[in-house]
Amino acid sequence: MTAAETIKKTFTKEKLHQFVFGTREKQGVGKQLVIYGLLICIGFIYLYPMLYMLSTSFMNRDDLLDTSVKWLPSTLYLQNYVDAAKSMDFWMSLAKGILIAGLPTLCNLFICMVVGYGFARYDFKGKKIMMGILIFSYILPSQVTMIPTYVLYNKMGILGTLWTFILPAVFGNGLNAPIFILIFYQFFRQVPKVLMEAAAIDGAGHFKAFFRIAVPSAVPAIVTVVLFSFVWYWNESYLTELYVQGLASKSIWTNLVVQLKNFDTAFESKAVTGDTATSLNESVRMAATTLSILPLLLMYLVLQKQFVESIDRAGITGE
C-alpha cells in the first residue's frame, strides 16, 4: 500500500467531517477554533479599554510624554490615585454612593418581589391590562417624564434628598422596576403550585406562604435584581444630579460617578497650581475612572459565581 492510499484511507470524508465539526459527544477542532476565536475577539473588545485605563493610570508625566512607553509604565506611579482620591473626596463619596444606590435597591427588591408574586400566583380582573401598562411603562423613555417628575418632586419639597429615589421604589416605580417585576414574575411561575397547595393545607396563609416558601426559593432572582438594581443606581449620574443633588440648590448627596463627571473642575480647585507632579493629565483622569468603578468590580468578583448562576436560573432573557 502506497503512502497516498494510506492517507486517503485514514482521512476519509466522514472522519474529516468529525474532525472539523465533531460528533454528538465531542466538539470538533474546527468548531472549537471558531468558538474560541470569537470569544477572544469579543473579550478583547471588552478588556482593551479596561487594560488601557489601568495601564495609563499608573504612568507618570514622563511616561505620557515618552512615545516609546505604550502599555507598561516605567514605574508604578501611585500618586495619581492619591490625587484623584483627594479631588473626588473618595471615602465620603463612596459611603454616600452606597446609600444612594443601596436604599432604593432594597425597596426595589421587596416591592418588585411582591408585585411579581401577585402577577404570577393570582388571577384577578384587569390583570392583562395591568401587565400591558407595566410593559408600556418600561418602553416609555424616561426623558418624557423627567420634567414632570422634577416639578412634582419640587412641589413635594423632596428635591435634594434621597426620597427622590426611595419613594418611587417604594411604590414599584424605581429605576428599571418593570424589568425586575418581570424577572420575579417569570421565576415565581416556575415554582410548583403543589408547594403552595401543601402550605395552604397545613394552614399557611398568603403572607406565610410567600415568606416561607416563595422567597427562599427565589434566591437566584433576588441576587440578579440586587446586582442589576445597584449597578444601575450607581451609574445613574444624570438623575442623581437632577433629583438627589437638585439643580437649584446643591445638596450634600453625591456619588463617585457624579464626582467623576465633575472631576476636572474639582481637581483644578484642589490641586497645587504650577506643580507638574499634581497637574491634571490623562493618567490622573484614568485613576479617577478606575476608582469610580472599583466598588462594582470588587462586588462582581466576590459575587461572580452567584451572579452567573442567578442569571441562568432566573431566566432574565425571558426564555
Protein backbone atom coordinates (compact mmCIF):
# COMPACT_ATOMS: atom_id res chain seq x y z
CA MET A 1 0.00 0.00 0.00
CA THR A 2 1.41 3.38 -1.03
CA ALA A 3 1.60 6.46 1.23
CA ALA A 4 -1.17 8.20 -0.75
CA GLU A 5 -3.53 5.28 -0.30
CA THR A 6 -2.74 5.17 3.45
CA ILE A 7 -3.54 8.88 3.86
CA LYS A 8 -6.72 8.51 1.83
CA LYS A 9 -7.84 5.56 3.97
CA THR A 10 -7.04 7.38 7.21
CA PHE A 11 -8.68 10.71 6.30
CA THR A 12 -11.99 9.70 4.83
CA LYS A 13 -14.73 12.22 4.23
CA GLU A 14 -16.63 11.08 7.32
CA LYS A 15 -13.61 11.26 9.60
CA LEU A 16 -12.69 14.68 8.23
CA HIS A 17 -16.21 15.90 8.98
CA GLN A 18 -15.99 14.55 12.53
CA PHE A 19 -12.55 16.13 12.99
CA VAL A 20 -13.76 19.56 11.90
CA PHE A 21 -17.37 19.65 13.16
CA GLY A 22 -17.26 16.93 15.82
CA THR A 23 -19.89 14.45 16.93
CA ARG A 24 -22.75 14.47 19.42
CA GLU A 25 -20.37 13.55 22.23
CA LYS A 26 -17.41 15.77 21.32
CA GLN A 27 -16.92 19.08 19.54
CA GLY A 28 -14.67 19.15 16.53
CA VAL A 29 -11.39 21.04 16.30
CA GLY A 30 -12.70 23.41 13.64
CA LYS A 31 -15.78 24.27 15.66
CA GLN A 32 -13.70 24.85 18.78
CA LEU A 33 -11.33 27.15 16.89
CA VAL A 34 -14.24 29.26 15.65
CA ILE A 35 -15.86 29.46 19.10
CA TYR A 36 -12.65 30.34 20.95
CA GLY A 37 -11.65 32.78 18.23
CA LEU A 38 -14.95 34.64 18.59
CA LEU A 39 -14.66 34.61 22.40
CA ILE A 40 -11.13 36.00 22.24
CA CYS A 41 -12.17 38.78 19.85
CA ILE A 42 -15.23 39.73 21.91
CA GLY A 43 -13.23 39.52 25.15
CA PHE A 44 -10.54 41.77 23.68
CA ILE A 45 -13.14 44.37 22.71
CA TYR A 46 -14.36 44.50 26.32
CA LEU A 47 -10.97 44.15 28.01
CA TYR A 48 -8.99 46.60 25.88
CA PRO A 49 -10.48 49.77 27.47
CA MET A 50 -10.00 48.31 30.95
CA LEU A 51 -6.39 47.36 30.30
CA TYR A 52 -5.66 50.73 28.75
CA MET A 53 -7.26 52.53 31.70
CA LEU A 54 -5.25 50.56 34.27
CA SER A 55 -2.00 50.91 32.38
CA THR A 56 -2.37 54.65 31.87
CA SER A 57 -3.46 55.27 35.47
CA PHE A 58 -0.03 54.14 36.74
CA MET A 59 2.01 56.31 34.36
CA ASN A 60 3.75 59.47 35.44
CA ARG A 61 4.05 62.58 33.33
CA ASP A 62 7.30 61.44 31.72
CA ASP A 63 5.73 58.16 30.60
CA LEU A 64 2.87 60.04 28.97
CA LEU A 65 5.29 62.20 27.00
CA ASP A 66 7.54 59.28 26.06
CA THR A 67 6.23 57.73 22.84
CA SER A 68 8.16 54.52 23.48
CA VAL A 69 6.02 53.77 26.55
CA LYS A 70 2.80 52.13 25.38
CA TRP A 71 1.42 49.61 27.86
CA LEU A 72 3.96 49.06 30.63
CA PRO A 73 4.83 52.19 32.67
CA SER A 74 8.43 52.65 33.74
CA THR A 75 7.33 52.78 37.39
CA LEU A 76 4.05 52.29 39.23
CA TYR A 77 3.21 55.90 39.94
CA LEU A 78 0.63 55.69 42.75
CA GLN A 79 0.43 59.44 43.28
CA ASN A 80 -2.19 59.59 40.52
CA TYR A 81 -4.59 57.62 42.74
CA VAL A 82 -3.77 59.77 45.76
CA ASP A 83 -4.51 62.97 43.84
CA ALA A 84 -7.66 61.53 42.27
CA ALA A 85 -9.00 60.24 45.59
CA LYS A 86 -8.36 63.60 47.22
CA SER A 87 -10.14 65.52 44.46
CA MET A 88 -13.12 63.14 44.47
CA ASP A 89 -13.33 63.00 48.28
CA PHE A 90 -13.27 59.26 47.74
CA TRP A 91 -14.31 57.74 51.06
CA MET A 92 -17.15 60.19 51.72
CA SER A 93 -18.42 59.92 48.15
CA LEU A 94 -18.17 56.13 48.36
CA ALA A 95 -20.29 55.99 51.52
CA LYS A 96 -22.90 58.36 50.09
CA GLY A 97 -22.94 56.45 46.80
CA ILE A 98 -23.61 53.18 48.63
CA LEU A 99 -26.58 54.81 50.39
CA ILE A 100 -27.89 56.39 47.18
CA ALA A 101 -27.75 53.06 45.36
CA GLY A 102 -28.37 50.67 48.27
CA LEU A 103 -31.53 52.05 49.88
CA PRO A 104 -33.58 52.27 46.64
CA THR A 105 -32.27 48.84 45.68
CA LEU A 106 -33.69 47.30 48.87
CA CYS A 107 -37.04 48.98 48.27
CA ASN A 108 -36.98 47.90 44.63
CA LEU A 109 -36.24 44.34 45.67
CA PHE A 110 -39.09 43.96 48.13
CA ILE A 111 -41.80 45.75 46.14
CA CYS A 112 -40.92 44.12 42.80
CA MET A 113 -40.87 40.74 44.51
CA VAL A 114 -44.37 41.26 45.94
CA VAL A 115 -45.78 42.58 42.65
CA GLY A 116 -44.16 39.81 40.61
CA TYR A 117 -45.52 37.19 43.00
CA GLY A 118 -49.01 38.67 42.75
CA PHE A 119 -48.96 38.58 38.95
CA ALA A 120 -47.60 35.03 38.90
CA ARG A 121 -49.84 33.41 41.51
CA TYR A 122 -53.21 35.16 41.38
CA ASP A 123 -55.81 35.72 38.68
CA PHE A 124 -57.77 38.91 39.06
CA LYS A 125 -59.83 41.28 36.95
CA GLY A 126 -57.73 43.58 34.79
CA LYS A 127 -54.57 41.51 35.15
CA LYS A 128 -53.75 41.61 31.44
CA ILE A 129 -54.36 45.36 31.27
CA MET A 130 -52.05 45.94 34.23
CA MET A 131 -49.39 43.76 32.65
CA GLY A 132 -49.71 45.81 29.47
CA ILE A 133 -49.32 49.05 31.44
CA LEU A 134 -46.28 47.56 33.16
CA ILE A 135 -44.60 46.73 29.85
CA PHE A 136 -45.56 50.12 28.39
CA SER A 137 -44.02 51.91 31.38
CA TYR A 138 -40.75 50.14 30.65
CA ILE A 139 -40.85 51.04 26.95
CA LEU A 140 -41.67 54.69 27.69
CA PRO A 141 -38.43 56.76 27.61
CA SER A 142 -37.50 58.30 30.94
CA GLN A 143 -36.83 61.62 29.18
CA VAL A 144 -40.58 62.01 28.59
CA THR A 145 -41.40 62.01 32.31
CA MET A 146 -38.24 63.70 33.56
CA ILE A 147 -39.51 67.28 33.67
CA PRO A 148 -42.98 66.48 35.12
CA THR A 149 -41.27 64.31 37.76
CA TYR A 150 -38.90 67.15 38.64
CA VAL A 151 -41.82 69.57 39.03
CA LEU A 152 -43.67 67.04 41.22
CA TYR A 153 -40.67 66.50 43.48
CA ASN A 154 -40.17 70.24 43.73
CA LYS A 155 -43.77 70.74 44.88
CA MET A 156 -43.38 67.90 47.38
CA GLY A 157 -40.23 69.54 48.74
CA ILE A 158 -38.05 66.44 48.45
CA LEU A 159 -35.55 67.66 45.86
CA GLY A 160 -32.01 67.29 47.09
CA THR A 161 -32.87 64.29 49.31
CA LEU A 162 -32.73 60.51 49.00
CA TRP A 163 -36.54 60.41 48.96
CA THR A 164 -36.48 61.24 45.24
CA PHE A 165 -35.07 57.74 44.67
CA ILE A 166 -36.67 55.93 47.61
CA LEU A 167 -40.31 57.00 47.15
CA PRO A 168 -40.64 55.76 43.53
CA ALA A 169 -39.00 52.47 44.55
CA VAL A 170 -41.44 52.07 47.45
CA PHE A 171 -44.37 52.35 45.02
CA GLY A 172 -42.88 49.97 42.47
CA ASN A 173 -41.71 52.68 40.10
CA GLY A 174 -37.99 52.63 40.82
CA LEU A 175 -35.22 52.66 38.25
CA ASN A 176 -35.99 49.87 35.73
CA ALA A 177 -38.50 48.37 38.18
CA PRO A 178 -40.70 46.87 35.41
CA ILE A 179 -37.95 44.51 34.27
CA PHE A 180 -37.39 43.39 37.88
CA ILE A 181 -41.10 42.67 38.26
CA LEU A 182 -40.98 40.59 35.08
CA ILE A 183 -37.96 38.69 36.40
CA PHE A 184 -39.81 37.76 39.60
CA TYR A 185 -42.96 37.06 37.61
CA GLN A 186 -41.08 34.65 35.37
CA PHE A 187 -39.39 32.97 38.33
CA PHE A 188 -42.46 32.56 40.55
CA ARG A 189 -44.35 30.99 37.65
CA GLN A 190 -41.81 28.17 37.73
CA VAL A 191 -42.38 27.39 41.41
CA PRO A 192 -44.59 24.24 41.61
CA LYS A 193 -48.15 25.01 42.66
CA VAL A 194 -48.22 21.85 44.76
CA LEU A 195 -45.90 23.56 47.25
CA MET A 196 -48.38 26.40 47.71
CA GLU A 197 -51.29 23.97 47.92
CA ALA A 198 -49.45 21.89 50.53
CA ALA A 199 -48.77 25.05 52.53
CA ALA A 200 -52.45 26.02 52.33
CA ILE A 201 -53.45 22.55 53.56
CA ASP A 202 -51.06 22.98 56.53
CA GLY A 203 -52.83 26.23 57.40
CA ALA A 204 -50.38 28.75 55.92
CA GLY A 205 -51.96 31.98 54.73
CA HIS A 206 -50.95 34.07 51.76
CA PHE A 207 -48.24 36.02 53.55
CA LYS A 208 -46.79 32.98 55.30
CA ALA A 209 -46.63 31.02 52.04
CA PHE A 210 -44.94 33.98 50.40
CA PHE A 211 -42.27 34.48 53.06
CA ARG A 212 -41.70 30.82 53.94
CA ILE A 213 -41.86 29.18 50.51
CA ALA A 214 -41.71 31.71 47.66
CA VAL A 215 -38.97 34.00 48.98
CA PRO A 216 -36.46 31.25 49.96
CA SER A 217 -36.88 29.62 46.56
CA ALA A 218 -36.33 32.93 44.76
CA VAL A 219 -32.72 33.45 45.89
CA PRO A 220 -31.34 33.38 42.29
CA ALA A 221 -33.81 36.05 41.19
CA ILE A 222 -33.06 38.11 44.31
CA VAL A 223 -29.32 38.11 43.60
CA THR A 224 -29.96 39.12 39.99
CA VAL A 225 -32.25 42.00 40.93
CA VAL A 226 -29.95 43.27 43.69
CA LEU A 227 -26.91 43.34 41.45
CA PHE A 228 -28.63 44.92 38.45
CA SER A 229 -30.52 47.47 40.51
CA PHE A 230 -27.44 48.50 42.50
CA VAL A 231 -25.32 48.88 39.36
CA TRP A 232 -27.98 50.93 37.56
CA TYR A 233 -28.49 53.25 40.52
CA TRP A 234 -24.74 53.53 40.97
CA ASN A 235 -24.12 54.51 37.34
CA GLU A 236 -27.08 56.90 37.10
CA SER A 237 -25.30 60.25 37.21
CA TYR A 238 -27.84 62.45 35.43
CA LEU A 239 -30.86 61.62 37.59
CA THR A 240 -28.68 61.77 40.70
CA GLU A 241 -27.66 65.31 39.81
CA LEU A 242 -31.19 66.26 38.79
CA TYR A 243 -33.15 64.81 41.73
CA VAL A 244 -30.85 63.87 44.60
CA GLN A 245 -28.49 66.82 44.34
CA GLY A 246 -31.03 69.22 42.90
CA LEU A 247 -30.26 71.77 40.21
CA ALA A 248 -31.33 74.87 42.11
CA SER A 249 -29.52 74.14 45.39
CA LYS A 250 -26.78 71.55 45.57
CA SER A 251 -27.25 69.14 48.46
CA ILE A 252 -24.61 67.12 50.27
CA TRP A 253 -25.57 63.94 48.42
CA THR A 254 -23.25 62.78 45.69
CA ASN A 255 -21.50 59.64 44.48
CA LEU A 256 -18.30 58.67 42.72
CA VAL A 257 -19.86 58.76 39.25
CA VAL A 258 -21.05 62.34 39.74
CA GLN A 259 -17.66 63.26 41.17
CA LEU A 260 -16.02 61.77 38.11
CA LYS A 261 -18.27 63.82 35.86
CA ASN A 262 -17.12 66.99 37.60
CA PHE A 263 -13.59 65.74 38.17
CA ASP A 264 -11.68 68.31 36.10
CA THR A 265 -13.21 71.26 37.93
CA ALA A 266 -12.77 69.65 41.34
CA PHE A 267 -9.16 68.73 40.65
CA GLU A 268 -8.18 72.19 39.44
CA SER A 269 -9.71 73.76 42.55
CA LYS A 270 -7.83 71.45 44.94
CA ALA A 271 -4.53 70.78 43.15
CA VAL A 272 -1.44 72.94 43.56
CA THR A 273 -1.23 75.19 40.52
CA GLY A 274 2.03 75.11 38.63
CA ASP A 275 3.17 71.84 40.21
CA THR A 276 3.86 69.36 37.40
CA ALA A 277 3.59 66.42 39.82
CA THR A 278 -0.02 67.19 40.59
CA SER A 279 -1.12 68.77 37.31
CA LEU A 280 -4.20 67.37 35.61
CA ASN A 281 -3.33 64.85 32.92
CA GLU A 282 -4.69 61.69 31.33
CA SER A 283 -3.15 59.44 33.99
CA VAL A 284 -4.99 61.21 36.80
CA ARG A 285 -8.24 61.01 34.86
CA MET A 286 -7.75 57.28 34.30
CA ALA A 287 -7.02 56.83 38.01
CA ALA A 288 -10.24 58.65 38.87
CA THR A 289 -12.17 56.46 36.42
CA THR A 290 -10.68 53.34 37.98
CA LEU A 291 -11.70 54.49 41.46
CA SER A 292 -15.26 55.17 40.31
CA ILE A 293 -15.78 51.61 39.03
CA LEU A 294 -13.63 49.83 41.62
CA PRO A 295 -16.54 49.06 44.03
CA LEU A 296 -18.54 47.46 41.21
CA LEU A 297 -15.56 45.38 40.10
CA LEU A 298 -14.97 44.14 43.64
CA MET A 299 -18.65 43.33 44.08
CA TYR A 300 -18.69 41.37 40.84
CA LEU A 301 -15.50 39.47 41.72
CA VAL A 302 -16.96 38.45 45.08
CA LEU A 303 -20.40 37.51 43.72
CA GLN A 304 -19.34 36.25 40.29
CA LYS A 305 -20.39 32.64 40.85
CA GLN A 306 -23.77 33.56 42.38
CA PHE A 307 -24.33 36.12 39.65
CA VAL A 308 -23.82 33.66 36.79
CA GLU A 309 -25.99 31.02 38.47
CA SER A 310 -28.69 33.60 39.14
CA ILE A 311 -28.79 34.75 35.52
CA ASP A 312 -29.07 31.13 34.40
CA ARG A 313 -31.84 30.16 36.84
CA ALA A 314 -33.83 33.39 36.91
CA GLY A 315 -34.42 33.36 33.16
CA ILE A 316 -33.61 37.03 32.75
CA THR A 317 -33.84 36.74 28.95
CA GLY A 318 -37.49 35.73 29.25
CA GLU A 319 -36.94 32.37 27.57
